[in-house]
PDB file of N, CA and C in Angstrom:
ATOM      1  N   ASP A   1      -7.419  -8.082 -11.587  1.00  0.00           N
ATOM      2  CA  ASP A   1      -8.070  -9.650 -11.471  1.00  0.00           C
ATOM      3  C   ASP A   1      -6.637 -10.578 -11.668  1.00  0.00           C
ATOM      4  N   TYR A   2      -6.369 -11.859 -11.513  1.00  0.00           N
ATOM      5  CA  TYR A   2      -5.613 -12.458 -12.011  1.00  0.00           C
ATOM      6  C   TYR A   2      -5.988 -13.441 -12.739  1.00  0.00           C
ATOM      7  N   ASP A   3      -5.744 -13.654 -13.963  1.00  0.00           N
ATOM      8  CA  ASP A   3      -6.306 -14.587 -14.957  1.00  0.00           C
ATOM      9  C   ASP A   3      -5.840 -16.011 -15.213  1.00  0.00           C
ATOM     10  N   ALA A   4      -4.613 -16.265 -14.479  1.00  0.00           N
ATOM     11  CA  ALA A   4      -3.704 -17.267 -14.762  1.00  0.00           C
ATOM     12  C   ALA A   4      -3.165 -17.608 -13.713  1.00  0.00           C
ATOM     13  N   GLU A   5      -2.741 -19.027 -13.621  1.00  0.00           N
ATOM     14  CA  GLU A   5      -1.943 -19.506 -12.268  1.00  0.00           C
ATOM     15  C   GLU A   5      -0.850 -20.451 -13.026  1.00  0.00           C
ATOM     16  N   HIS A   6       0.397 -20.330 -12.729  1.00  0.00           N
ATOM     17  CA  HIS A   6       1.726 -20.722 -13.012  1.00  0.00           C
ATOM     18  C   HIS A   6       1.941 -22.263 -12.013  1.00  0.00           C
ATOM     19  N   TRP A   7       1.724 -22.145 -10.786  1.00  0.00           N
ATOM     20  CA  TRP A   7       2.076 -23.156  -9.825  1.00  0.00           C
ATOM     21  C   TRP A   7       1.075 -23.111  -8.786  1.00  0.00           C
ATOM     22  N   ASP A   8       0.281 -23.814  -7.973  1.00  0.00           N
ATOM     23  CA  ASP A   8      -0.890 -23.950  -7.159  1.00  0.00           C
ATOM     24  C   ASP A   8      -0.739 -25.334  -6.560  1.00  0.00           C
ATOM     25  N   THR A   9       0.481 -25.854  -5.871  1.00  0.00           N
ATOM     26  CA  THR A   9       0.474 -26.940  -5.550  1.00  0.00           C
ATOM     27  C   THR A   9      -0.614 -27.538  -4.478  1.00  0.00           C
ATOM     28  N   ASP A  10      -1.191 -26.618  -3.949  1.00  0.00           N
ATOM     29  CA  ASP A  10      -2.179 -26.893  -2.942  1.00  0.00           C
ATOM     30  C   ASP A  10      -3.951 -26.476  -3.009  1.00  0.00           C
ATOM     31  N   SER A  11      -3.644 -26.281  -4.627  1.00  0.00           N
ATOM     32  CA  SER A  11      -5.276 -25.685  -4.650  1.00  0.00           C
ATOM     33  C   SER A  11      -5.616 -24.606  -3.965  1.00  0.00           C
ATOM     34  N   ALA A  12      -4.733 -23.804  -3.450  1.00  0.00           N
ATOM     35  CA  ALA A  12      -5.314 -22.730  -2.425  1.00  0.00           C
ATOM     36  C   ALA A  12      -5.418 -21.149  -2.922  1.00  0.00           C
ATOM     37  N   PHE A  13      -4.961 -21.274  -4.309  1.00  0.00           N
ATOM     38  CA  PHE A  13      -5.434 -19.823  -5.020  1.00  0.00           C
ATOM     39  C   PHE A  13      -6.723 -20.175  -5.485  1.00  0.00           C
ATOM     40  N   ASP A  14      -8.001 -19.234  -5.052  1.00  0.00           N
ATOM     41  CA  ASP A  14      -9.105 -18.870  -6.079  1.00  0.00           C
ATOM     42  C   ASP A  14      -9.452 -18.054  -7.096  1.00  0.00           C
ATOM     43  N   ILE A  15      -8.969 -18.176  -8.592  1.00  0.00           N
ATOM     44  CA  ILE A  15      -8.710 -17.377  -9.385  1.00  0.00           C
ATOM     45  C   ILE A  15      -9.930 -16.725  -9.735  1.00  0.00           C
ATOM     46  N   GLY A  16     -11.461 -16.940  -9.279  1.00  0.00           N
ATOM     47  CA  GLY A  16     -12.654 -16.333  -9.362  1.00  0.00           C
ATOM     48  C   GLY A  16     -12.739 -15.059  -8.293  1.00  0.00           C
ATOM     49  N   THR A  17     -11.986 -15.553  -7.190  1.00  0.00           N
ATOM     50  CA  THR A  17     -12.093 -14.172  -6.044  1.00  0.00           C
ATOM     51  C   THR A  17     -10.482 -13.672  -5.791  1.00  0.00           C
ATOM     52  N   ASP A  18      -9.672 -14.144  -6.301  1.00  0.00           N
ATOM     53  CA  ASP A  18      -8.110 -13.641  -6.100  1.00  0.00           C
ATOM     54  C   ASP A  18      -7.726 -13.705  -4.794  1.00  0.00           C
ATOM     55  N   ILE A  19      -8.155 -14.788  -3.920  1.00  0.00           N
ATOM     56  CA  ILE A  19      -8.100 -14.932  -2.573  1.00  0.00           C
ATOM     57  C   ILE A  19      -7.001 -16.529  -2.714  1.00  0.00           C
ATOM     58  N   PHE A  20      -6.326 -16.293  -1.514  1.00  0.00           N
ATOM     59  CA  PHE A  20      -5.244 -17.430  -1.347  1.00  0.00           C
ATOM     60  C   PHE A  20      -5.884 -17.935   0.000  1.00  0.00           C
ATOM     61  N   THR A  21      -6.100 -19.296   0.268  1.00  0.00           N
ATOM     62  CA  THR A  21      -6.653 -19.607   1.283  1.00  0.00           C
ATOM     63  C   THR A  21      -5.641 -20.598   1.916  1.00  0.00           C
ATOM     64  N   VAL A  22      -4.576 -20.212   3.049  1.00  0.00           N
ATOM     65  CA  VAL A  22      -3.910 -21.104   3.859  1.00  0.00           C
ATOM     66  C   VAL A  22      -4.274 -22.561   3.893  1.00  0.00           C
ATOM     67  N   PRO A  23      -4.264 -23.633   3.571  1.00  0.00           N
ATOM     68  CA  PRO A  23      -4.822 -24.922   3.308  1.00  0.00           C
ATOM     69  C   PRO A  23      -4.534 -25.578   4.736  1.00  0.00           C
ATOM     70  N   SER A  24      -5.489 -26.418   5.004  1.00  0.00           N
ATOM     71  CA  SER A  24      -5.305 -27.311   6.632  1.00  0.00           C
ATOM     72  C   SER A  24      -3.950 -27.839   6.335  1.00  0.00           C
ATOM     73  N   GLY A  25      -3.497 -27.971   7.574  1.00  0.00           N
ATOM     74  CA  GLY A  25      -2.162 -28.435   7.851  1.00  0.00           C
ATOM     75  C   GLY A  25      -1.091 -27.733   7.549  1.00  0.00           C
ATOM     76  N   LYS A  26      -1.286 -26.457   6.949  1.00  0.00           N
ATOM     77  CA  LYS A  26      -0.398 -25.793   6.131  1.00  0.00           C
ATOM     78  C   LYS A  26       0.034 -24.321   6.902  1.00  0.00           C
ATOM     79  N   ALA A  27      -0.519 -24.459   7.776  1.00  0.00           N
ATOM     80  CA  ALA A  27      -0.350 -23.139   8.660  1.00  0.00           C
ATOM     81  C   ALA A  27       1.264 -22.697   9.092  1.00  0.00           C
ATOM     82  N   GLY A  28       1.840 -21.961   9.152  1.00  0.00           N
ATOM     83  CA  GLY A  28       3.206 -21.378   9.766  1.00  0.00           C
ATOM     84  C   GLY A  28       3.599 -20.136   8.968  1.00  0.00           C
ATOM     85  N   LYS A  29       4.985 -19.461   8.674  1.00  0.00           N
ATOM     86  CA  LYS A  29       5.445 -18.239   8.062  1.00  0.00           C
ATOM     87  C   LYS A  29       5.325 -18.527   6.746  1.00  0.00           C
ATOM     88  N   TYR A  30       4.862 -17.621   6.359  1.00  0.00           N
ATOM     89  CA  TYR A  30       4.444 -17.091   4.832  1.00  0.00           C
ATOM     90  C   TYR A  30       4.921 -16.057   4.189  1.00  0.00           C
ATOM     91  N   PHE A  31       5.743 -16.348   2.942  1.00  0.00           N
ATOM     92  CA  PHE A  31       6.496 -14.837   2.277  1.00  0.00           C
ATOM     93  C   PHE A  31       5.203 -14.702   1.176  1.00  0.00           C
ATOM     94  N   PHE A  32       4.747 -13.212   0.890  1.00  0.00           N
ATOM     95  CA  PHE A  32       4.304 -12.948   0.017  1.00  0.00           C
ATOM     96  C   PHE A  32       4.460 -12.139  -0.996  1.00  0.00           C
ATOM     97  N   MET A  33       4.185 -11.838  -2.403  1.00  0.00           N
ATOM     98  CA  MET A  33       4.638 -10.602  -2.715  1.00  0.00           C
ATOM     99  C   MET A  33       3.658 -10.401  -4.207  1.00  0.00           C
ATOM    100  N   ALA A  34       3.508  -9.158  -4.261  1.00  0.00           N
ATOM    101  CA  ALA A  34       2.920  -8.617  -5.452  1.00  0.00           C
ATOM    102  C   ALA A  34       3.273  -7.323  -6.076  1.00  0.00           C
ATOM    103  N   GLY A  35       2.772  -7.527  -7.225  1.00  0.00           N
ATOM    104  CA  GLY A  35       3.155  -6.267  -8.403  1.00  0.00           C
ATOM    105  C   GLY A  35       2.516  -5.825  -9.299  1.00  0.00           C
ATOM    106  N   GLY A  36       2.335  -4.706  -9.377  1.00  0.00           N
ATOM    107  CA  GLY A  36       1.685  -4.374 -10.882  1.00  0.00           C
ATOM    108  C   GLY A  36       1.859  -2.775 -11.381  1.00  0.00           C
ATOM    109  N   ALA A  37       1.077  -2.767 -12.388  1.00  0.00           N
ATOM    110  CA  ALA A  37       1.549  -1.199 -13.147  1.00  0.00           C
ATOM    111  C   ALA A  37       0.005  -0.897 -13.571  1.00  0.00           C
ATOM    112  N   PHE A  38      -0.441   0.133 -13.539  1.00  0.00           N
ATOM    113  CA  PHE A  38      -1.560   0.630 -14.384  1.00  0.00           C
ATOM    114  C   PHE A  38      -1.380   0.815 -15.481  1.00  0.00           C
ATOM    115  N   ASN A  39      -2.518   1.035 -16.581  1.00  0.00           N
ATOM    116  CA  ASN A  39      -2.151   1.228 -18.089  1.00  0.00           C
ATOM    117  C   ASN A  39      -2.477   2.474 -18.173  1.00  0.00           C
ATOM    118  N   THR A  40      -1.363   3.656 -17.562  1.00  0.00           N
ATOM    119  CA  THR A  40      -1.590   4.742 -18.139  1.00  0.00           C
ATOM    120  C   THR A  40      -0.483   5.690 -17.973  1.00  0.00           C
ATOM    121  N   ASP A  41       0.080   6.652 -18.661  1.00  0.00           N
ATOM    122  CA  ASP A  41       1.133   7.398 -18.756  1.00  0.00           C
ATOM    123  C   ASP A  41       0.869   8.417 -17.610  1.00  0.00           C
ATOM    124  N   ALA A  42      -0.551   8.786 -16.945  1.00  0.00           N
ATOM    125  CA  ALA A  42      -0.731  10.026 -16.165  1.00  0.00           C
ATOM    126  C   ALA A  42       0.110  10.011 -14.936  1.00  0.00           C
ATOM    127  N   ASP A  43       0.472  11.360 -14.567  1.00  0.00           N
ATOM    128  CA  ASP A  43       0.969  11.554 -13.439  1.00  0.00           C
ATOM    129  C   ASP A  43      -0.526  11.968 -12.464  1.00  0.00           C
ATOM    130  N   PHE A  44      -0.603  11.375 -11.222  1.00  0.00           N
ATOM    131  CA  PHE A  44      -1.600  11.554 -10.042  1.00  0.00           C
ATOM    132  C   PHE A  44      -0.685  11.449  -8.722  1.00  0.00           C
ATOM    133  N   GLU A  45      -1.728  11.855  -7.892  1.00  0.00           N
ATOM    134  CA  GLU A  45      -1.393  11.930  -6.454  1.00  0.00           C
ATOM    135  C   GLU A  45      -0.864  10.717  -6.032  1.00  0.00           C
ATOM    136  N   TYR A  46      -1.440   9.625  -5.621  1.00  0.00           N
ATOM    137  CA  TYR A  46      -0.925   8.475  -5.357  1.00  0.00           C
ATOM    138  C   TYR A  46      -1.573   7.232  -6.129  1.00  0.00           C
ATOM    139  N   VAL A  47      -0.781   6.232  -5.802  1.00  0.00           N
ATOM    140  CA  VAL A  47      -1.103   5.015  -5.843  1.00  0.00           C
ATOM    141  C   VAL A  47      -0.890   4.122  -4.685  1.00  0.00           C
ATOM    142  N   SER A  48      -1.708   2.843  -4.314  1.00  0.00           N
ATOM    143  CA  SER A  48      -0.884   1.719  -3.395  1.00  0.00           C
ATOM    144  C   SER A  48      -1.198   0.567  -3.898  1.00  0.00           C
ATOM    145  N   ILE A  49      -0.362  -0.268  -3.210  1.00  0.00           N
ATOM    146  CA  ILE A  49      -0.753  -1.306  -3.395  1.00  0.00           C
ATOM    147  C   ILE A  49      -0.545  -2.268  -1.671  1.00  0.00           C
ATOM    148  N   ASP A  50      -1.582  -3.483  -1.422  1.00  0.00           N
ATOM    149  CA  ASP A  50      -1.030  -3.794  -0.045  1.00  0.00           C
ATOM    150  C   ASP A  50      -1.580  -5.452  -0.424  1.00  0.00           C
ATOM    151  N   ILE A  51      -1.108  -5.943   0.398  1.00  0.00           N
ATOM    152  CA  ILE A  51      -1.657  -7.452   1.050  1.00  0.00           C
ATOM    153  C   ILE A  51      -1.863  -7.701   2.240  1.00  0.00           C
ATOM    154  N   ARG A  52      -3.543  -8.082   2.229  1.00  0.00           N
ATOM    155  CA  ARG A  52      -4.219  -8.481   3.536  1.00  0.00           C
ATOM    156  C   ARG A  52      -4.301  -9.659   4.048  1.00  0.00           C
ATOM    157  N   LYS A  53      -4.342  -9.865   5.041  1.00  0.00           N
ATOM    158  CA  LYS A  53      -4.618 -11.007   6.328  1.00  0.00           C
ATOM    159  C   LYS A  53      -5.706 -10.908   6.342  1.00  0.00           C
ATOM    160  N   GLU A  54      -6.833 -11.856   6.307  1.00  0.00           N
ATOM    161  CA  GLU A  54      -8.108 -11.462   7.146  1.00  0.00           C
ATOM    162  C   GLU A  54      -9.028  -9.825   7.147  1.00  0.00           C
ATOM    163  N   GLY A  55      -8.392  -9.286   5.624  1.00  0.00           N
ATOM    164  CA  GLY A  55      -8.777  -7.828   5.679  1.00  0.00           C
ATOM    165  C   GLY A  55      -8.096  -6.902   6.098  1.00  0.00           C
ATOM    166  N   THR A  56      -7.249  -7.294   7.090  1.00  0.00           N
ATOM    167  CA  THR A  56      -6.353  -6.271   7.277  1.00  0.00           C
ATOM    168  C   THR A  56      -4.827  -6.347   6.623  1.00  0.00           C
ATOM    169  N   ALA A  57      -4.295  -4.774   6.040  1.00  0.00           N
ATOM    170  CA  ALA A  57      -3.407  -5.024   5.684  1.00  0.00           C
ATOM    171  C   ALA A  57      -2.186  -5.231   6.301  1.00  0.00           C
ATOM    172  N   PHE A  58      -1.020  -6.248   5.981  1.00  0.00           N
ATOM    173  CA  PHE A  58       0.538  -6.334   6.554  1.00  0.00           C
ATOM    174  C   PHE A  58       1.397  -5.624   6.325  1.00  0.00           C
ATOM    175  N   VAL A  59       1.710  -5.529   4.789  1.00  0.00           N
ATOM    176  CA  VAL A  59       2.506  -4.509   4.150  1.00  0.00           C
ATOM    177  C   VAL A  59       1.735  -3.839   3.012  1.00  0.00           C
ATOM    178  N   LYS A  60       2.594  -2.672   2.613  1.00  0.00           N
ATOM    179  CA  LYS A  60       1.480  -1.583   2.242  1.00  0.00           C
ATOM    180  C   LYS A  60       2.902  -0.911   1.547  1.00  0.00           C
ATOM    181  N   ASN A  61       2.629  -0.454  -0.073  1.00  0.00           N
ATOM    182  CA  ASN A  61       3.444   0.286  -0.625  1.00  0.00           C
ATOM    183  C   ASN A  61       2.795   1.389  -1.259  1.00  0.00           C
ATOM    184  N   ARG A  62       3.103   2.927  -0.975  1.00  0.00           N
ATOM    185  CA  ARG A  62       2.196   3.779  -1.502  1.00  0.00           C
ATOM    186  C   ARG A  62       3.079   4.964  -2.052  1.00  0.00           C
ATOM    187  N   LYS A  63       2.552   5.257  -3.401  1.00  0.00           N
ATOM    188  CA  LYS A  63       3.703   6.265  -3.848  1.00  0.00           C
ATOM    189  C   LYS A  63       2.568   7.165  -5.053  1.00  0.00           C
ATOM    190  N   ARG A  64       3.446   8.176  -5.294  1.00  0.00           N
ATOM    191  CA  ARG A  64       3.148   9.189  -6.239  1.00  0.00           C
ATOM    192  C   ARG A  64       3.203   8.174  -7.896  1.00  0.00           C
ATOM    193  N   HIS A  65       2.379   8.634  -8.758  1.00  0.00           N
ATOM    194  CA  HIS A  65       1.945   7.797 -10.067  1.00  0.00           C
ATOM    195  C   HIS A  65       2.586   8.734 -11.073  1.00  0.00           C
ATOM    196  N   PHE A  66       3.720   7.978 -11.491  1.00  0.00           N
ATOM    197  CA  PHE A  66       4.252   8.795 -12.563  1.00  0.00           C
ATOM    198  C   PHE A  66       4.610   7.913 -13.695  1.00  0.00           C
ATOM    199  N   ASN A  67       4.297   8.067 -15.173  1.00  0.00           N
ATOM    200  CA  ASN A  67       4.341   7.464 -16.497  1.00  0.00           C
ATOM    201  C   ASN A  67       4.178   5.750 -16.094  1.00  0.00           C
ATOM    202  N   TYR A  68       3.442   4.990 -16.198  1.00  0.00           N
ATOM    203  CA  TYR A  68       3.280   3.386 -15.816  1.00  0.00           C
ATOM    204  C   TYR A  68       4.333   3.248 -14.737  1.00  0.00           C
ATOM    205  N   ASP A  69       4.180   3.808 -14.012  1.00  0.00           N
ATOM    206  CA  ASP A  69       4.884   3.153 -12.701  1.00  0.00           C
ATOM    207  C   ASP A  69       4.496   1.986 -12.338  1.00  0.00           C
ATOM    208  N   HIS A  70       5.684   0.908 -11.793  1.00  0.00           N
ATOM    209  CA  HIS A  70       5.313  -0.066 -11.344  1.00  0.00           C
ATOM    210  C   HIS A  70       5.173  -0.202  -9.536  1.00  0.00           C
ATOM    211  N   LEU A  71       4.404  -0.656  -9.202  1.00  0.00           N
ATOM    212  CA  LEU A  71       4.342  -1.071  -7.811  1.00  0.00           C
ATOM    213  C   LEU A  71       4.472  -2.522  -7.453  1.00  0.00           C
ATOM    214  N   LEU A  72       5.484  -2.599  -6.148  1.00  0.00           N
ATOM    215  CA  LEU A  72       6.072  -4.082  -5.914  1.00  0.00           C
ATOM    216  C   LEU A  72       5.927  -3.678  -4.067  1.00  0.00           C
ATOM    217  N   VAL A  73       5.637  -4.935  -3.712  1.00  0.00           N
ATOM    218  CA  VAL A  73       5.392  -5.054  -2.202  1.00  0.00           C
ATOM    219  C   VAL A  73       5.428  -6.524  -1.820  1.00  0.00           C
ATOM    220  N   GLY A  74       6.184  -6.525  -0.611  1.00  0.00           N
ATOM    221  CA  GLY A  74       6.398  -8.040  -0.329  1.00  0.00           C
ATOM    222  C   GLY A  74       6.787  -8.417   1.642  1.00  0.00           C
ATOM    223  N   ALA A  75       6.305  -9.504   2.142  1.00  0.00           N
ATOM    224  CA  ALA A  75       6.526  -9.360   3.550  1.00  0.00           C
ATOM    225  C   ALA A  75       6.101 -10.915   3.892  1.00  0.00           C
ATOM    226  N   ALA A  76       6.778 -11.218   4.921  1.00  0.00           N
ATOM    227  CA  ALA A  76       6.474 -12.577   5.730  1.00  0.00           C
ATOM    228  C   ALA A  76       5.451 -12.228   6.744  1.00  0.00           C
ATOM    229  N   VAL A  77       4.597 -13.233   6.713  1.00  0.00           N
ATOM    230  CA  VAL A  77       3.649 -13.152   7.784  1.00  0.00           C
ATOM    231  C   VAL A  77       3.028 -14.622   8.340  1.00  0.00           C
ATOM    232  N   ASP A  78       3.001 -14.510   9.735  1.00  0.00           N
ATOM    233  CA  ASP A  78       2.149 -15.869  10.156  1.00  0.00           C
ATOM    234  C   ASP A  78       0.911 -16.325   9.636  1.00  0.00           C
ATOM    235  N   CYS A  79       0.673 -17.476   9.246  1.00  0.00           N
ATOM    236  CA  CYS A  79      -0.905 -18.015   9.090  1.00  0.00           C
ATOM    237  C   CYS A  79      -1.224 -19.004   9.507  1.00  0.00           C
ATOM    238  N   ALA A  80      -2.482 -19.021  10.052  1.00  0.00           N
ATOM    239  CA  ALA A  80      -3.001 -20.131  10.235  1.00  0.00           C
ATOM    240  C   ALA A  80      -3.742 -21.015   9.428  1.00  0.00           C
ATOM    241  N   ALA A  81      -4.146 -22.059   9.253  1.00  0.00           N
ATOM    242  CA  ALA A  81      -4.954 -22.742   8.058  1.00  0.00           C
ATOM    243  C   ALA A  81      -6.405 -21.760   8.163  1.00  0.00           C
ATOM    244  N   GLY A  82      -6.934 -21.933   6.778  1.00  0.00           N
ATOM    245  CA  GLY A  82      -7.831 -20.878   6.854  1.00  0.00           C
ATOM    246  C   GLY A  82      -7.886 -19.294   6.567  1.00  0.00           C
ATOM    247  N   ASP A  83      -6.551 -19.080   6.836  1.00  0.00           N
ATOM    248  CA  ASP A  83      -6.593 -17.376   6.595  1.00  0.00           C
ATOM    249  C   ASP A  83      -6.838 -17.116   5.385  1.00  0.00           C
ATOM    250  N   GLU A  84      -7.056 -16.057   5.006  1.00  0.00           N
ATOM    251  CA  GLU A  84      -7.406 -15.326   3.754  1.00  0.00           C
ATOM    252  C   GLU A  84      -6.459 -14.371   3.190  1.00  0.00           C
ATOM    253  N   ILE A  85      -5.834 -14.400   1.861  1.00  0.00           N
ATOM    254  CA  ILE A  85      -4.640 -13.493   1.781  1.00  0.00           C
ATOM    255  C   ILE A  85      -4.816 -13.101   0.329  1.00  0.00           C
ATOM    256  N   LYS A  86      -5.435 -11.513   0.169  1.00  0.00           N
ATOM    257  CA  LYS A  86      -5.464 -10.763  -1.051  1.00  0.00           C
ATOM    258  C   LYS A  86      -4.822  -9.661  -0.981  1.00  0.00           C
ATOM    259  N   VAL A  87      -4.761  -9.180  -2.282  1.00  0.00           N
ATOM    260  CA  VAL A  87      -4.178  -7.854  -2.849  1.00  0.00           C
ATOM    261  C   VAL A  87      -4.991  -6.944  -2.963  1.00  0.00           C
ATOM    262  N   THR A  88      -4.884  -5.824  -2.432  1.00  0.00           N
ATOM    263  CA  THR A  88      -5.815  -4.513  -2.896  1.00  0.00           C
ATOM    264  C   THR A  88      -4.741  -3.354  -3.844  1.00  0.00           C
ATOM    265  N   VAL A  89      -5.298  -2.857  -4.666  1.00  0.00           N
ATOM    266  CA  VAL A  89      -5.051  -1.635  -4.952  1.00  0.00           C
ATOM    267  C   VAL A  89      -5.829  -0.387  -5.116  1.00  0.00           C
ATOM    268  N   GLU A  90      -5.036   0.471  -5.021  1.00  0.00           N
ATOM    269  CA  GLU A  90      -6.085   1.878  -4.834  1.00  0.00           C
ATOM    270  C   GLU A  90      -5.160   2.989  -5.522  1.00  0.00           C
ATOM    271  N   HIS A  91      -6.383   4.337  -5.977  1.00  0.00           N
ATOM    272  CA  HIS A  91      -5.203   5.193  -6.482  1.00  0.00           C
ATOM    273  C   HIS A  91      -6.093   6.187  -6.479  1.00  0.00           C
ATOM    274  N   THR A  92      -5.792   7.581  -6.938  1.00  0.00           N
ATOM    275  CA  THR A  92      -6.665   8.782  -6.614  1.00  0.00           C
ATOM    276  C   THR A  92      -6.745   9.439  -8.248  1.00  0.00           C
ATOM    277  N   TYR A  93      -6.577   9.026  -9.271  1.00  0.00           N
ATOM    278  CA  TYR A  93      -6.736   9.093 -10.634  1.00  0.00           C
ATOM    279  C   TYR A  93      -7.946   9.572 -10.881  1.00  0.00           C
ATOM    280  N   GLY A  94      -9.191   9.335 -10.590  1.00  0.00           N
ATOM    281  CA  GLY A  94     -10.487   9.847 -10.484  1.00  0.00           C
ATOM    282  C   GLY A  94     -11.636   9.016 -11.554  1.00  0.00           C
ATOM    283  N   SER A  95     -11.065   8.101 -12.025  1.00  0.00           N
ATOM    284  CA  SER A  95     -11.754   7.077 -12.817  1.00  0.00           C
ATOM    285  C   SER A  95     -11.169   5.763 -12.721  1.00  0.00           C
ATOM    286  N   ASN A  96     -11.992   4.952 -13.344  1.00  0.00           N
ATOM    287  CA  ASN A  96     -11.443   3.652 -13.462  1.00  0.00           C
ATOM    288  C   ASN A  96     -10.233   3.403 -14.580  1.00  0.00           C
ATOM    289  N   LEU A  97      -9.344   2.787 -13.357  1.00  0.00           N
ATOM    290  CA  LEU A  97      -7.958   2.431 -14.429  1.00  0.00           C
ATOM    291  C   LEU A  97      -7.619   0.856 -14.470  1.00  0.00           C
ATOM    292  N   SER A  98      -7.329   0.372 -15.668  1.00  0.00           N
ATOM    293  CA  SER A  98      -7.252  -0.968 -15.699  1.00  0.00           C
ATOM    294  C   SER A  98      -5.605  -1.396 -15.160  1.00  0.00           C
ATOM    295  N   TRP A  99      -5.347  -2.249 -14.591  1.00  0.00           N
ATOM    296  CA  TRP A  99      -3.758  -2.985 -14.753  1.00  0.00           C
ATOM    297  C   TRP A  99      -3.344  -3.159 -16.049  1.00  0.00           C
ATOM    298  N   ARG A 100      -2.028  -3.441 -16.567  1.00  0.00           N
ATOM    299  CA  ARG A 100      -1.277  -3.535 -17.674  1.00  0.00           C
ATOM    300  C   ARG A 100      -1.698  -5.337 -17.745  1.00  0.00           C
ATOM    301  N   ASN A 101      -1.994  -5.404 -18.789  1.00  0.00           N
ATOM    302  CA  ASN A 101      -2.759  -6.761 -19.192  1.00  0.00           C
ATOM    303  C   ASN A 101      -1.276  -7.906 -19.608  1.00  0.00           C
ATOM    304  N   ASP A 102      -0.388  -8.170 -18.874  1.00  0.00           N
ATOM    305  CA  ASP A 102       0.462  -9.269 -18.997  1.00  0.00           C
ATOM    306  C   ASP A 102       1.212  -9.434 -17.411  1.00  0.00           C
ATOM    307  N   THR A 103       1.698 -10.739 -17.831  1.00  0.00           N
ATOM    308  CA  THR A 103       2.213 -11.606 -16.493  1.00  0.00           C
ATOM    309  C   THR A 103       2.968 -10.965 -16.037  1.00  0.00           C
ATOM    310  N   GLU A 104       4.024 -10.382 -16.503  1.00  0.00           N
ATOM    311  CA  GLU A 104       5.406 -10.037 -16.171  1.00  0.00           C
ATOM    312  C   GLU A 104       5.220  -8.870 -15.381  1.00  0.00           C
ATOM    313  N   ALA A 105       4.099  -7.658 -15.820  1.00  0.00           N
ATOM    314  CA  ALA A 105       3.904  -6.528 -14.889  1.00  0.00           C
ATOM    315  C   ALA A 105       3.076  -6.887 -14.028  1.00  0.00           C
ATOM    316  N   ASN A 106       2.105  -7.793 -13.789  1.00  0.00           N
ATOM    317  CA  ASN A 106       1.480  -7.703 -12.400  1.00  0.00           C
ATOM    318  C   ASN A 106       1.334  -9.302 -12.274  1.00  0.00           C
ATOM    319  N   PHE A 107       1.352  -9.461 -10.753  1.00  0.00           N
ATOM    320  CA  PHE A 107       1.692 -10.655 -10.531  1.00  0.00           C
ATOM    321  C   PHE A 107       1.130 -10.618  -8.863  1.00  0.00           C
ATOM    322  N   PHE A 108       1.272 -12.158  -8.521  1.00  0.00           N
ATOM    323  CA  PHE A 108       0.600 -12.361  -7.031  1.00  0.00           C
ATOM    324  C   PHE A 108       1.400 -13.691  -6.678  1.00  0.00           C
ATOM    325  N   CYS A 109       2.223 -13.913  -5.694  1.00  0.00           N
ATOM    326  CA  CYS A 109       3.108 -14.986  -5.637  1.00  0.00           C
ATOM    327  C   CYS A 109       3.137 -14.797  -4.071  1.00  0.00           C
ATOM    328  N   GLY A 110       3.531 -16.529  -3.549  1.00  0.00           N
ATOM    329  CA  GLY A 110       3.746 -16.791  -2.192  1.00  0.00           C
ATOM    330  C   GLY A 110       4.078 -18.040  -1.801  1.00  0.00           C
ATOM    331  N   TRP A 111       5.018 -18.290  -0.626  1.00  0.00           N
ATOM    332  CA  TRP A 111       5.326 -19.616  -0.344  1.00  0.00           C
ATOM    333  C   TRP A 111       5.464 -19.997   0.929  1.00  0.00           C
ATOM    334  N   ARG A 112       5.321 -20.798   1.663  1.00  0.00           N
ATOM    335  CA  ARG A 112       5.479 -21.284   2.808  1.00  0.00           C
ATOM    336  C   ARG A 112       6.846 -21.463   3.261  1.00  0.00           C
ATOM    337  N   LEU A 113       7.615 -20.543   4.229  1.00  0.00           N
ATOM    338  CA  LEU A 113       8.607 -20.754   4.729  1.00  0.00           C
ATOM    339  C   LEU A 113       8.760 -21.598   5.735  1.00  0.00           C
ATOM    340  N   SER A 114       7.771 -22.184   6.605  1.00  0.00           N
ATOM    341  CA  SER A 114       8.451 -22.844   7.970  1.00  0.00           C
ATOM    342  C   SER A 114       6.951 -23.056   8.563  1.00  0.00           C
TER     343      SER A 114
END
């Protein structure tokens, strides 16, 4: 969960749901990026992070997890007004894991290119 915003010029990010909704009149090409790290030094099969538009991933990074590994993903995507963008993270650790609790390790950002 993201618990703070630094800039949101159109009030498009809902901090309660962690969803960015493309504002009315702001369709176009966007670039989104997300990153994060789990709060564990355990090694396990994989972790993945993806960014989804309307529930379908348009970019994904999946890799083996080693000692507080950081995940990073980003891509440009065409968006229509009302499209919802959300970050999803998965792992094979076997129990609940928490994100590191700092804004330097965990983030979601985006901006309209055209």
